[in-house]
Structure formats: C-alpha cells, structure tokens
Protein backbone atom coordinates (compact mmCIF):
# COMPACT_ATOMS: atom_id res chain seq x y z
CA MET A 1 0.00 0.00 0.00
CA ALA A 2 1.39 3.42 -0.98
CA GLU A 3 1.04 6.35 1.39
CA ARG A 4 2.49 9.82 1.66
CA ALA A 5 5.68 9.86 3.68
CA ARG A 6 6.41 12.66 6.18
CA ILE A 7 9.59 11.58 7.90
CA ARG A 8 10.77 14.04 10.53
CA THR A 9 11.55 11.85 13.54
CA VAL A 10 12.94 8.30 13.31
CA GLY A 11 13.46 5.81 16.11
CA LEU A 12 16.34 3.31 15.94
CA VAL A 13 16.36 -0.15 17.53
CA VAL A 14 19.80 -1.74 17.18
CA HIS A 15 21.16 -5.22 17.95
CA SER A 16 23.66 -4.12 20.61
CA GLY A 17 25.38 -7.53 20.71
CA ARG A 18 26.39 -7.44 17.06
CA PRO A 19 29.24 -4.98 16.31
CA SER A 20 28.31 -4.76 12.63
CA ALA A 21 24.77 -3.73 13.60
CA VAL A 22 26.08 -1.09 16.01
CA ARG A 23 28.28 0.34 13.26
CA ALA A 24 25.41 0.30 10.76
CA GLY A 25 23.09 1.94 13.29
CA GLY A 26 25.61 4.68 13.98
CA ALA A 27 26.09 5.35 10.26
CA LEU A 28 22.34 5.54 9.68
CA GLN A 29 21.93 7.87 12.64
CA ASP A 30 24.60 10.17 11.16
CA TRP A 31 22.95 10.05 7.73
CA LEU A 32 19.53 10.91 9.14
CA ARG A 33 20.90 13.79 11.18
CA ALA A 34 22.73 15.15 8.12
CA ASN A 35 19.43 15.09 6.23
CA GLY A 36 17.53 17.03 8.87
CA VAL A 37 15.82 14.09 10.56
CA THR A 38 15.63 13.91 14.35
CA THR A 39 16.62 10.52 15.73
CA ARG A 40 15.57 8.71 18.89
CA CYS A 41 16.75 5.57 20.64
CA LEU A 42 16.01 3.65 23.81
CA ASP A 43 17.88 4.53 26.97
CA ASP A 44 20.23 1.56 26.65
CA GLU A 45 20.80 1.65 22.87
CA PRO A 46 24.44 1.97 21.65
CA VAL A 47 23.58 4.85 19.30
CA ALA A 48 24.27 8.56 19.78
CA ALA A 49 20.74 9.64 18.86
CA ASP A 50 19.33 13.12 19.38
CA GLU A 51 16.81 11.83 21.92
CA ARG A 52 16.77 8.98 24.44
CA CYS A 53 13.72 7.70 26.22
CA ALA A 54 12.14 4.72 27.94
CA ALA A 55 10.31 2.04 25.99
CA ASP A 56 6.86 3.19 27.10
CA ARG A 57 7.39 6.59 25.44
CA PHE A 58 9.59 5.52 22.54
CA ALA A 59 6.99 5.55 19.75
CA GLU A 60 5.34 8.86 20.67
CA GLY A 61 5.52 11.22 17.69
CA LEU A 62 7.70 8.93 15.55
CA ASP A 63 7.20 8.81 11.78
CA LEU A 64 9.29 5.67 11.27
CA VAL A 65 11.12 3.01 13.28
CA LEU A 66 14.36 1.55 11.92
CA SER A 67 15.35 -1.91 13.09
CA VAL A 68 19.05 -2.68 12.59
CA GLY A 69 19.89 -6.35 13.04
CA GLY A 70 18.01 -9.53 12.17
CA ASP A 71 14.44 -10.71 12.44
CA GLY A 72 14.77 -10.93 16.23
CA THR A 73 15.68 -7.25 16.42
CA LEU A 74 12.79 -6.41 14.13
CA LEU A 75 10.38 -8.28 16.39
CA ARG A 76 11.67 -6.27 19.35
CA ALA A 77 11.19 -3.07 17.36
CA ALA A 78 7.72 -4.18 16.29
CA GLN A 79 6.72 -4.44 19.96
CA LEU A 80 7.30 -0.67 20.12
CA ALA A 81 6.15 0.43 16.67
CA GLY A 82 3.16 -1.84 16.03
CA PRO A 83 0.80 -0.87 18.87
CA ALA A 84 1.45 2.81 18.08
CA ASP A 85 0.73 2.35 14.33
CA VAL A 86 4.22 3.52 13.35
CA PRO A 87 5.68 2.03 10.12
CA LEU A 88 8.72 -0.19 10.58
CA LEU A 89 11.70 -0.73 8.26
CA GLY A 90 14.06 -3.63 8.88
CA VAL A 91 17.74 -3.14 8.00
CA LYS A 92 19.33 -6.56 7.68
CA VAL A 93 22.65 -7.18 9.43
CA GLY A 94 23.21 -10.91 9.62
CA HIS A 95 21.45 -13.91 8.11
CA LEU A 96 18.61 -13.83 5.64
CA GLY A 97 15.25 -13.48 7.34
CA PHE A 98 11.63 -13.11 6.36
CA LEU A 99 11.08 -9.65 7.85
CA THR A 100 14.15 -7.47 7.41
CA GLU A 101 13.97 -5.58 4.11
CA ILE A 102 17.30 -4.05 3.06
CA ASP A 103 21.05 -4.19 3.62
CA PRO A 104 22.71 -1.21 5.36
CA ASP A 105 24.26 0.11 2.14
CA GLU A 106 20.80 0.15 0.52
CA ALA A 107 19.16 2.08 3.34
CA PRO A 108 20.16 5.66 2.37
CA ASP A 109 18.63 5.30 -1.10
CA LEU A 110 15.32 4.01 0.27
CA LEU A 111 15.31 6.58 3.07
CA THR A 112 15.86 9.34 0.52
CA ARG A 113 12.76 8.17 -1.32
CA LEU A 114 10.81 8.13 1.92
CA LEU A 115 11.90 11.67 2.73
CA HIS A 116 10.79 12.98 -0.65
CA GLY A 117 7.90 10.84 -1.76
CA THR A 118 5.65 7.95 -0.97
CA MET A 119 6.12 5.00 1.34
CA LEU A 120 5.22 1.45 0.37
CA THR A 121 3.94 -0.52 3.35
CA GLU A 122 2.68 -4.06 3.79
CA ASN A 123 0.14 -4.73 6.51
CA ARG A 124 0.69 -7.78 8.70
CA LEU A 125 -1.88 -9.17 11.11
CA ALA A 126 -0.76 -8.92 14.73
CA LEU A 127 -2.08 -10.34 18.02
CA VAL A 128 -3.06 -8.96 21.40
CA ALA A 129 -3.07 -11.20 24.48
CA GLU A 130 -4.98 -10.08 27.56
CA PRO A 131 -4.18 -12.02 30.77
CA GLY A 132 -7.03 -12.45 33.21
CA HIS A 133 -7.23 -10.73 36.57
CA ALA A 134 -5.75 -13.76 38.33
CA THR A 135 -2.25 -12.69 37.21
CA SER A 136 0.01 -10.00 38.61
CA HIS A 137 0.58 -8.67 35.07
CA PRO A 138 -2.73 -7.19 33.91
CA ARG A 139 -1.44 -5.30 30.85
CA SER A 140 -1.91 -6.78 27.39
CA LEU A 141 0.90 -8.25 25.29
CA TRP A 142 1.34 -7.55 21.55
CA ALA A 143 2.87 -9.96 19.03
CA LEU A 144 3.71 -9.99 15.34
CA ASN A 145 4.66 -13.69 15.29
CA GLU A 146 3.09 -15.59 18.17
CA VAL A 147 1.82 -15.70 21.72
CA ILE A 148 2.86 -18.80 23.68
CA LEU A 149 1.56 -20.29 26.90
CA GLU A 150 4.16 -22.84 27.96
CA LYS A 151 5.19 -24.96 30.91
CA SER A 152 7.25 -23.39 33.68
CA ALA A 153 8.86 -26.61 34.93
CA ARG A 154 11.37 -28.29 32.63
CA HIS A 155 10.38 -31.90 33.25
CA ARG A 156 6.63 -31.43 33.48
CA LEU A 157 3.77 -30.80 31.09
CA ILE A 158 1.17 -28.08 31.11
CA THR A 159 -2.55 -28.72 30.70
CA VAL A 160 -4.30 -26.03 28.68
CA LYS A 161 -7.98 -25.77 27.83
CA ALA A 162 -8.47 -24.07 24.45
CA THR A 163 -11.72 -22.26 23.72
CA VAL A 164 -12.59 -20.52 20.45
CA GLY A 165 -15.33 -17.97 20.96
CA ALA A 166 -17.66 -19.66 23.42
CA GLU A 167 -16.90 -23.22 22.30
CA HIS A 168 -14.48 -25.55 24.04
CA VAL A 169 -12.23 -27.04 21.35
CA THR A 170 -9.98 -29.38 23.32
CA THR A 171 -7.65 -29.63 26.29
CA PHE A 172 -3.97 -29.96 25.42
CA SER A 173 -1.36 -31.83 27.46
CA ALA A 174 1.85 -30.44 26.01
CA ASP A 175 5.00 -28.41 26.47
CA GLY A 176 2.92 -25.43 25.46
CA VAL A 177 0.25 -24.01 23.21
CA MET A 178 0.81 -21.12 20.82
CA VAL A 179 -1.41 -18.79 18.87
CA ALA A 180 0.44 -17.56 15.78
CA THR A 181 -0.10 -15.19 12.88
CA PRO A 182 0.62 -15.94 9.20
CA THR A 183 3.86 -14.01 9.69
CA GLY A 184 4.72 -16.32 12.58
CA SER A 185 3.88 -19.45 10.57
CA THR A 186 7.49 -19.58 9.34
CA ALA A 187 8.91 -19.14 12.84
CA TYR A 188 8.25 -21.15 16.04
CA SER A 189 4.95 -22.49 14.72
CA PHE A 190 6.82 -24.01 11.77
CA SER A 191 9.20 -25.73 14.19
CA ALA A 192 6.12 -27.17 15.93
CA ARG A 193 4.97 -28.69 12.61
CA GLY A 194 2.47 -25.95 11.84
CA PRO A 195 1.61 -25.03 8.23
CA VAL A 196 3.28 -22.28 6.21
CA ILE A 197 0.70 -19.57 5.49
CA SER A 198 1.00 -16.64 3.12
CA PRO A 199 0.96 -13.32 5.00
CA LYS A 200 -1.89 -12.27 2.70
CA VAL A 201 -4.23 -14.82 4.32
CA PRO A 202 -6.19 -13.28 7.25
CA CYS A 203 -6.14 -16.03 9.87
CA ILE A 204 -4.58 -17.16 13.13
CA LEU A 205 -3.08 -20.54 14.06
CA LEU A 206 -3.67 -22.57 17.20
CA THR A 207 -0.65 -24.90 17.48
CA PRO A 208 0.29 -27.31 20.29
CA VAL A 209 3.98 -27.59 21.15
CA SER A 210 5.17 -31.19 21.62
CA PRO A 211 1.73 -32.47 22.65
CA HIS A 212 1.48 -35.73 24.58
CA MET A 213 -1.72 -36.81 22.89
CA VAL A 214 -2.89 -38.31 19.60
CA PHE A 215 -4.05 -34.96 18.18
CA ASP A 216 -0.93 -32.94 17.35
CA ARG A 217 -2.01 -30.68 14.49
CA SER A 218 -2.50 -26.95 14.13
CA ILE A 219 -5.99 -25.53 13.78
CA VAL A 220 -6.43 -22.64 11.36
CA LEU A 221 -8.95 -20.07 12.59
CA GLY A 222 -10.53 -17.01 11.09
CA ALA A 223 -8.86 -13.71 11.88
CA GLU A 224 -12.01 -12.54 13.66
CA GLU A 225 -12.10 -15.50 16.04
CA GLU A 226 -10.90 -15.17 19.63
CA VAL A 227 -8.96 -17.83 21.52
CA THR A 228 -9.02 -18.28 25.28
CA LEU A 229 -6.35 -20.45 26.89
CA GLU A 230 -6.95 -21.61 30.46
CA VAL A 231 -4.34 -23.26 32.69
CA LEU A 232 -5.66 -26.50 34.22
CA GLY A 233 -4.02 -29.35 36.12
CA ASP A 234 -1.27 -28.78 38.67
CA GLU A 235 1.35 -26.75 36.80
CA PRO A 236 1.33 -22.99 36.19
CA GLY A 237 2.22 -21.60 32.78
CA LEU A 238 4.44 -18.86 31.42
CA LEU A 239 3.09 -16.40 28.86
CA SER A 240 5.29 -14.75 26.24
CA ALA A 241 4.86 -12.72 23.05
CA ASP A 242 7.48 -12.87 20.28
CA GLY A 243 9.97 -14.19 22.81
CA GLN A 244 9.37 -11.32 25.24
CA ALA A 245 8.60 -12.74 28.66
CA GLY A 246 5.20 -12.03 30.14
CA PRO A 247 3.59 -13.11 33.41
CA GLU A 248 3.32 -16.48 35.08
CA LEU A 249 -0.24 -17.76 34.78
CA PRO A 250 -1.33 -19.69 37.90
CA VAL A 251 -3.57 -22.72 37.61
CA GLY A 252 -7.09 -21.55 36.88
CA SER A 253 -6.06 -18.34 35.12
CA LYS A 254 -6.94 -17.45 31.53
CA VAL A 255 -5.57 -15.40 28.65
CA LEU A 256 -7.67 -14.03 25.79
CA ILE A 257 -5.86 -13.82 22.43
CA ARG A 258 -7.24 -12.08 19.36
CA ALA A 259 -6.19 -10.08 16.32
CA ALA A 260 -4.86 -6.65 17.19
CA PRO A 261 -7.13 -3.75 16.21
CA ARG A 262 -4.43 -2.42 13.86
CA PRO A 263 -1.97 -4.38 11.73
CA ALA A 264 1.78 -3.97 11.83
CA ARG A 265 3.01 -1.81 8.93
CA LEU A 266 6.25 -3.05 7.36
CA VAL A 267 8.00 -0.70 4.94
CA ARG A 268 8.90 -2.27 1.62
CA ARG A 269 10.86 -1.14 -1.41
CA GLU A 270 9.89 -1.58 -5.04
CA GLY A 271 11.07 -4.96 -6.30
CA SER A 272 11.31 -6.56 -2.87
CA PRO A 273 11.72 -10.37 -2.92
CA THR A 274 8.33 -12.01 -2.65
CA PHE A 275 7.30 -14.16 0.29
CA PHE A 276 7.70 -17.25 -1.88
CA ALA A 277 11.16 -16.21 -3.10
CA LEU A 278 12.23 -15.85 0.53
CA LEU A 279 10.60 -19.18 1.35
CA ARG A 280 12.57 -20.93 -1.39
CA GLU A 281 15.84 -19.39 -0.29
CA LYS A 282 15.35 -19.67 3.47
CA PHE A 283 14.51 -23.37 3.32
CA SER A 284 16.65 -24.23 0.26
CA LEU A 285 13.63 -25.40 -1.70
CA PRO A 286 14.20 -26.75 -5.24
CA GLY A 287 14.40 -23.93 -7.74
CA ALA A 288 15.76 -21.45 -5.20
CA ALA A 289 16.67 -18.15 -6.84
CA PRO A 290 19.26 -15.56 -5.73
CA HIS A 291 17.99 -13.27 -2.98
CA GLY A 292 17.53 -10.29 -5.30
CA ASP A 293 15.60 -12.26 -7.92
CA VAL A 294 11.86 -11.86 -7.51
CA GLY A 295 10.97 -14.06 -10.45
CA VAL A 296 10.19 -17.74 -10.55
C-alpha cells in the first residue's frame, strides 16, 4: 500500500550484541541527522541519537522506526512500533530473514525516497493477548509472530484448555500451546509442525507444542475469532509474546488472544523479494533463486 511519507523523527532499535549492527546503526543515525531528521533511541541503545527515552514513550511522535539487526531485532522493534501504528523498516545485518527488508548500504537510497515521496507498506496481522485478573501482570501483550503459553517446569507438562469464541475445542497436554499469525507461521509455529501460510491470508493458528496426545495438528482459525487459553491441572504456565517474557499464569487463570485492532506496517521497497522467493531461499527449496531475484 502506498502512502504519503512525512519523515521528521525516526526511532532506531539496534542489535547491541552485534558490532556490525552497532556500526550500521551509527552510520544511519549520522545520515539521518545530516538530512535534517531527528533521531531517537532507547535509553540503553548503543547509538548517539538526538533523543533517548524509555520504551513506554519511545513511539510517541515517531514517523518511522528503523530496526538494525536480524528478524529478532525487528520483532523487538515491532513491539514498540506496532501498537502505536508507526511504520517499521528492517535493515538486515546478519542472516537472511523473512522480515528485514534491506542491507545497510541500501538504506540511504530508500530513506531518501521516503523523505521525498511515498512510502510502500505491507500490513501484517498482529495479536493482542490479555491475561485475566488472576495474574500480577494485567497489561496486554502484543505480538507480530506468536503468543505462547508454555510450561514453567522443565520436566513437566502443562494442561491447557483451548476455547474458540464460546466453544471448548480441546484440552492440550503439552509443552505449550501457541497462537500464531501468518507471519509467525514460518517461525516457532513451523518448528512445531504448523503449516506455512501466506501473510496475505487473514487467519490465526492454534498450534500445540510437543503435545502428549494423539491430536498434534495446528488448527487454522478465522482472523475474527478469539482464543481463550486456560491453565488447568497442577502446573502454572508462562506467557510470552514474540519471545518477550510475560507473566506467570497460575492454575485456573486465563488469557484471551485475538487479532490486534491495527496491523503492523512493514515498509517495503519496489522490487522486494516475494514471500515465496524468501521461502525458497530460506529453506533451500528446489528452484531457489538468488535473494535479489523476484521471479520464478
């Protein structure tokens, strides 16, 4: 989707443990400043930005968030940008991923276009998880990939009742249960034998993780359907969103998971590799094309 770009303030989220990402983030910060753009970073970011602030205020007034690292860094940046409806551009430093868009040396050209023209964005369905009042962590969690309710004890299982809308679907005995988006279908859900889903398909996935039961398949749900997970049995669960730790859920507590009211907005460039081109390359499928080739 094309939209008018007004880029005046940009937030940077940098992989601080990767020296090449720190260097790239510093270079991009210098470029933005030289082009009249105010930059912002988190308090603990290794970038000399114009502004520093805490995570809860990071997205206020931003026109764009730049993620500098891999897909993991982009997911961390999405936690800040997505709920605030700020577009997000992933600068790739590291291995090929599904979410990062450009290499550092390509960023100035695309940023120049953003500063003087239109912005191409791709909407991605996101999730919101709302823990029940039985937890000590009442705030909601946001996820671009997945929300997971998993066991807290290494050598034990968790028992989770799954309800869709008002209907009880089943009770899982497993290492965990996840609710994933199409974007997350190529991440942890894929490792749990879930299907690969095009990001253009509006749906959510209910996937058990290492279930100790005959039924071990994902269930594909409509994007408008709501999932409630309830902790049963004797073991509490741990809730997380895109790898970011959430609260412990005691036995008897629930979490409601549904599509976020607004999608995540990922910035793309003209001629970006398609989802299927990335799929071929990432998983070395037959007929894999070079990363820059968007053809068949």
